[in-house]
Protein backbone atom coordinates (compact mmCIF):
# COMPACT_ATOMS: atom_id res chain seq x y z
CA MET A 1 248.35 101.33 231.55
CA ILE A 2 247.24 104.40 229.64
CA ASP A 3 247.30 104.89 225.85
CA LEU A 4 245.84 108.13 224.51
CA HIS A 5 246.57 107.68 220.80
CA LEU A 6 244.68 104.91 218.99
CA HIS A 7 242.97 104.61 215.61
CA THR A 8 240.07 102.56 214.23
CA THR A 9 238.39 101.90 210.90
CA ALA A 10 236.56 105.20 211.35
CA SER A 11 239.72 106.76 209.90
CA ASP A 12 242.91 104.93 208.92
CA GLY A 13 243.02 102.10 211.47
CA THR A 14 242.37 98.48 210.54
CA LEU A 15 240.40 97.40 213.63
CA THR A 16 236.77 98.30 214.29
CA PRO A 17 236.09 100.20 217.52
CA SER A 18 234.98 97.02 219.31
CA GLU A 19 237.99 95.09 218.01
CA LEU A 20 240.30 97.84 219.19
CA VAL A 21 238.78 97.78 222.67
CA SER A 22 239.30 94.01 222.80
CA ALA A 23 242.92 94.43 221.70
CA ALA A 24 243.45 97.15 224.30
CA ARG A 25 242.05 94.95 227.04
CA ALA A 26 244.25 92.04 225.96
CA ALA A 27 247.26 94.37 226.04
CA GLY A 28 246.51 95.36 229.65
CA LEU A 29 245.32 98.92 229.01
CA SER A 30 242.97 100.47 231.55
CA ILE A 31 242.53 103.98 230.08
CA ILE A 32 242.44 104.68 226.34
CA SER A 33 241.50 107.40 223.90
CA ILE A 34 240.45 106.71 220.32
CA THR A 35 241.84 109.61 218.32
CA ASP A 36 240.68 109.03 214.77
CA HIS A 37 241.49 111.67 212.18
CA ASP A 38 238.86 114.40 211.95
CA THR A 39 236.07 112.21 213.32
CA THR A 40 234.72 111.03 216.65
CA ALA A 41 232.76 108.15 215.10
CA GLY A 42 235.16 105.49 216.38
CA SER A 43 235.18 106.89 219.89
CA ASP A 44 231.40 107.27 219.88
CA ALA A 45 230.94 103.64 218.78
CA ALA A 46 233.37 102.27 221.37
CA GLY A 47 231.72 103.74 224.47
CA ALA A 48 229.49 100.85 225.50
CA VAL A 49 232.06 98.21 224.58
CA ALA A 50 234.73 99.97 226.64
CA ARG A 51 232.45 100.15 229.67
CA GLU A 52 231.69 96.44 229.39
CA ALA A 53 235.43 95.72 229.16
CA GLY A 54 236.16 97.80 232.27
CA ILE A 55 238.23 100.30 230.28
CA ARG A 56 237.93 104.05 230.75
CA LEU A 57 237.47 105.74 227.38
CA VAL A 58 238.54 109.37 227.15
CA PRO A 59 236.70 111.15 224.31
CA GLY A 60 239.36 112.09 221.79
CA ILE A 61 240.21 113.11 218.25
CA GLU A 62 243.20 113.92 216.05
CA ILE A 63 242.52 117.00 213.95
CA SER A 64 244.49 117.88 210.84
CA ALA A 65 245.58 121.51 210.75
CA VAL A 66 247.76 123.21 208.17
CA ALA A 67 250.81 125.44 208.58
CA GLU A 68 252.79 126.62 205.56
CA GLY A 69 251.11 124.03 203.34
CA ARG A 70 252.01 121.07 205.57
CA ASP A 71 249.91 118.99 207.93
CA VAL A 72 250.08 119.60 211.66
CA HIS A 73 248.13 117.19 213.85
CA VAL A 74 246.46 118.38 217.03
CA LEU A 75 245.05 115.88 219.51
CA GLY A 76 241.95 116.81 221.47
CA TYR A 77 241.02 115.10 224.76
CA PHE A 78 237.97 115.21 227.05
CA ILE A 79 236.01 116.89 224.27
CA ASP A 80 232.23 117.01 224.01
CA PRO A 81 231.65 115.41 220.59
CA ALA A 82 228.19 116.96 220.33
CA THR A 83 229.48 120.56 220.42
CA THR A 84 227.87 122.38 217.50
CA SER A 85 231.01 124.25 216.42
CA LEU A 86 233.06 121.04 216.47
CA ARG A 87 230.47 119.12 214.42
CA ALA A 88 230.33 121.88 211.78
CA PHE A 89 234.12 122.04 211.60
CA LEU A 90 234.46 118.26 211.19
CA ASP A 91 231.87 118.31 208.40
CA ARG A 92 234.08 120.77 206.54
CA GLN A 93 237.16 118.69 207.24
CA ARG A 94 235.56 115.55 205.80
CA ALA A 95 234.43 117.43 202.68
CA ASP A 96 238.00 118.62 202.16
CA ARG A 97 239.27 115.06 202.57
CA ILE A 98 236.93 113.81 199.84
CA HIS A 99 238.03 116.57 197.47
CA ARG A 100 241.68 115.84 198.23
CA VAL A 101 241.31 112.10 197.59
CA ALA A 102 239.70 112.79 194.22
CA GLU A 103 242.48 115.18 193.23
CA MET A 104 245.20 112.71 194.27
CA GLY A 105 243.46 110.07 192.16
CA ASP A 106 243.56 112.45 189.18
CA ARG A 107 247.26 113.16 189.71
CA LEU A 108 248.09 109.46 189.89
CA SER A 109 246.15 108.83 186.67
CA ALA A 110 248.14 111.58 184.98
CA LEU A 111 251.30 109.81 186.12
CA GLY A 112 250.14 106.58 184.47
CA LEU A 113 249.25 105.03 187.83
CA PRO A 114 245.46 104.79 187.81
CA ILE A 115 243.68 103.64 190.97
CA ASP A 116 240.06 102.94 191.78
CA ILE A 117 238.94 105.68 194.15
CA ALA A 118 235.27 104.64 194.06
CA PRO A 119 235.56 102.38 197.14
CA ILE A 120 237.33 105.17 199.02
CA LEU A 121 234.59 107.64 198.19
CA ALA A 122 231.99 105.03 199.16
CA ASP A 123 233.71 104.66 202.55
CA ALA A 124 233.60 108.43 202.93
CA GLY A 125 229.87 108.34 202.16
CA ARG A 126 229.46 105.88 205.02
CA GLY A 127 231.16 108.32 207.39
CA ARG A 128 234.76 107.11 207.28
CA SER A 129 237.43 109.82 207.43
CA VAL A 130 239.50 109.10 204.30
CA GLY A 131 242.85 110.34 203.04
CA ARG A 132 246.33 109.33 201.97
CA PRO A 133 246.42 105.95 203.79
CA GLN A 134 243.48 104.76 201.69
CA ILE A 135 245.17 106.07 198.54
CA ALA A 136 248.27 104.11 199.52
CA GLU A 137 246.21 100.92 199.93
CA ALA A 138 244.66 101.52 196.50
CA LEU A 139 248.13 101.86 194.99
CA ILE A 140 249.05 98.52 196.54
CA GLY A 141 245.85 96.95 195.24
CA ALA A 142 246.56 98.22 191.73
CA GLY A 143 250.05 96.72 191.83
CA HIS A 144 251.85 100.05 191.56
CA VAL A 145 253.68 99.71 194.89
CA ARG A 146 254.31 96.90 197.36
CA THR A 147 253.86 98.65 200.69
CA ARG A 148 252.18 101.67 202.23
CA ASP A 149 255.58 103.10 203.11
CA GLU A 150 256.64 102.87 199.46
CA ALA A 151 253.45 104.62 198.36
CA PHE A 152 254.11 107.51 200.71
CA GLU A 153 257.81 107.77 199.94
CA ARG A 154 257.34 107.75 196.16
CA PHE A 155 254.13 109.69 195.71
CA LEU A 156 252.24 110.89 198.79
CA THR A 157 254.66 112.71 201.06
CA PHE A 158 254.95 116.50 201.11
CA GLY A 159 256.31 117.53 197.71
CA GLY A 160 255.61 114.11 196.15
CA ALA A 161 254.27 113.81 192.61
CA ALA A 162 250.72 112.99 193.76
CA TYR A 163 250.75 115.00 196.98
CA VAL A 164 247.91 117.50 197.25
CA PRO A 165 248.35 120.23 199.86
CA ARG A 166 245.54 120.29 202.37
CA LEU A 167 243.23 123.27 202.47
CA GLY A 168 242.85 123.64 206.17
CA THR A 169 242.69 125.53 209.39
CA SER A 170 245.69 126.85 211.28
CA PRO A 171 246.90 124.95 214.35
CA GLU A 172 246.02 127.93 216.52
CA ALA A 173 242.43 127.85 215.27
CA VAL A 174 242.23 124.10 215.87
CA VAL A 175 243.39 124.59 219.46
CA ALA A 176 240.55 127.07 219.90
CA ILE A 177 238.06 124.59 218.41
CA VAL A 178 239.18 121.90 220.87
CA HIS A 179 238.82 124.38 223.72
CA ASP A 180 235.35 125.39 222.54
CA ALA A 181 234.41 121.69 222.72
CA GLY A 182 235.52 121.63 226.37
CA GLY A 183 238.72 119.74 225.68
CA VAL A 184 242.46 120.11 226.03
CA ALA A 185 244.77 120.23 223.00
CA SER A 186 248.10 118.48 222.48
CA LEU A 187 250.52 118.67 219.56
CA ALA A 188 250.81 115.15 218.12
CA HIS A 189 254.15 113.34 217.66
CA PRO A 190 256.40 116.42 217.23
CA GLY A 191 259.44 114.18 216.83
CA VAL A 192 257.85 112.65 213.73
CA SER A 193 256.42 115.85 212.28
CA ALA A 194 259.65 117.81 212.78
CA ARG A 195 257.79 121.07 213.31
CA ASP A 196 259.47 122.24 216.52
CA GLU A 197 259.34 125.85 215.38
CA LEU A 198 255.57 125.77 215.87
CA ILE A 199 255.56 124.67 219.48
CA ALA A 200 256.36 127.89 221.33
CA PRO A 201 253.91 130.02 219.29
CA LEU A 202 251.24 127.36 219.79
CA ALA A 203 251.88 127.30 223.52
CA ALA A 204 251.47 131.07 223.57
CA ALA A 205 248.17 130.61 221.69
CA GLY A 206 246.85 128.19 224.31
CA LEU A 207 248.20 124.75 223.43
CA ASP A 208 247.80 122.63 226.56
CA ALA A 209 250.29 119.81 225.96
CA ILE A 210 252.91 118.11 223.81
CA GLU A 211 252.81 114.43 222.90
CA ALA A 212 256.22 113.50 224.27
CA VAL A 213 255.47 109.78 224.66
CA HIS A 214 255.05 108.11 221.26
CA SER A 215 256.02 104.87 219.52
CA ASP A 216 258.39 106.75 217.20
CA HIS A 217 260.08 108.75 219.96
CA ASP A 218 263.17 107.20 221.49
CA ALA A 219 264.15 107.94 225.09
CA ALA A 220 266.22 110.98 224.14
CA THR A 221 263.39 112.44 222.05
CA GLU A 222 260.87 111.92 224.84
CA ALA A 223 263.25 113.58 227.32
CA ARG A 224 263.75 116.55 224.97
CA TYR A 225 260.02 117.17 224.60
CA ARG A 226 259.40 116.71 228.29
CA ALA A 227 262.01 119.38 228.96
CA LEU A 228 260.45 121.66 226.36
CA ALA A 229 257.01 121.12 227.88
CA ALA A 230 258.36 122.08 231.28
CA ASP A 231 260.00 125.21 229.85
CA LEU A 232 256.76 126.25 228.13
CA ARG A 233 254.61 125.29 231.14
CA VAL A 234 252.49 122.85 229.14
CA LEU A 235 251.57 119.26 229.92
CA VAL A 236 252.66 115.94 228.40
CA THR A 237 250.49 113.39 226.60
CA GLY A 238 251.36 110.07 225.02
CA GLY A 239 250.28 106.93 223.26
CA SER A 240 251.24 104.25 220.81
CA ASP A 241 249.59 105.71 217.69
CA PHE A 242 248.44 102.15 217.05
CA HIS A 243 246.61 101.60 213.75
CA GLY A 244 246.19 97.82 213.85
CA PRO A 245 248.10 94.54 213.76
CA ARG A 246 250.06 95.52 210.65
CA GLY A 247 252.78 98.14 210.37
CA HIS A 248 255.76 99.18 212.44
CA ARG A 249 253.67 100.26 215.46
CA ALA A 250 251.71 97.00 215.68
CA ALA A 251 253.85 95.64 218.51
CA ARG A 252 253.69 98.87 220.50
CA LEU A 253 250.16 98.40 221.87
CA GLY A 254 250.55 97.90 225.60
CA LYS A 255 254.23 98.83 225.40
CA VAL A 256 253.98 102.62 224.97
CA ALA A 257 252.06 104.11 227.88
CA LEU A 258 251.54 107.52 229.47
CA PRO A 259 252.49 107.61 233.16
CA SER A 260 249.50 108.04 235.45
CA GLN A 261 250.83 111.30 236.90
CA ASP A 262 250.84 112.87 233.44
CA PHE A 263 247.31 111.65 232.82
CA GLU A 264 246.05 113.08 236.11
CA LYS A 265 247.48 116.48 235.26
CA LEU A 266 245.77 116.35 231.87
CA SER A 267 242.49 115.31 233.44
CA ASP A 268 242.71 118.13 235.99
CA ALA A 269 243.36 120.65 233.22
CA ALA A 270 240.24 119.43 231.40
CA LYS A 271 238.15 119.75 234.55
CA ARG A 272 239.35 123.33 235.02
CA ARG A 273 238.47 124.17 231.42
CA ARG A 274 234.95 122.74 231.74
CA ALA A 275 234.46 124.66 234.98
CA HIS A 276 234.93 127.98 233.22
């Protein structure tokens, strides 16, 4: 089985890279990609463990872009993590994340909901890619909310009282960055993001694929995005978007898988890109 959308403690997952590989092996996965937000640290750390477990690890990442003040996530696969332009871009992304966390902490304090952001900033200093999920956990720890979902719904979603718009790069520019790193780019979970209006322009700008297979896509949603991918002559990617043994996607590891024929097409596209 193939799962190309997994997260570790390098961003907002709850399993370390080695723990995630062990969980993937137990779930019967044979090909995985660790796609942490704006960092390849988790994927880099998992390489040796994945080889020992007999699992093929596709170098991956999930990059946060911005369109009209809202996040758009672009997945990159078969990238070269050492590419100079990619490293410089990710450094800027992490700096923006730190600034954004601090500003969200200030907004929550102004609302009478103070949180301790020092541990979050310390994690960032150790290389973790931080953001709203860590703010949500801090809200839970401070007793202001009971669950991460409540934190997002009340304060951290687009337009929420503590939401801070991301200062970021356009999706088109992110696609180009992925290409410059030798990879192929896929629009993450469009059925969750509800940004269908972006897909055709992104395809025209070089987007390689759409993530049609996802834990939060039902059969009809997957079929709709597969049809759109065919119309736009782009490929299909997929994965569980697993973040750990808690949360609504916890049971999806080993259950949401990309068919091998879709993976082979994606792999062939990456080989063609590296050949140029």
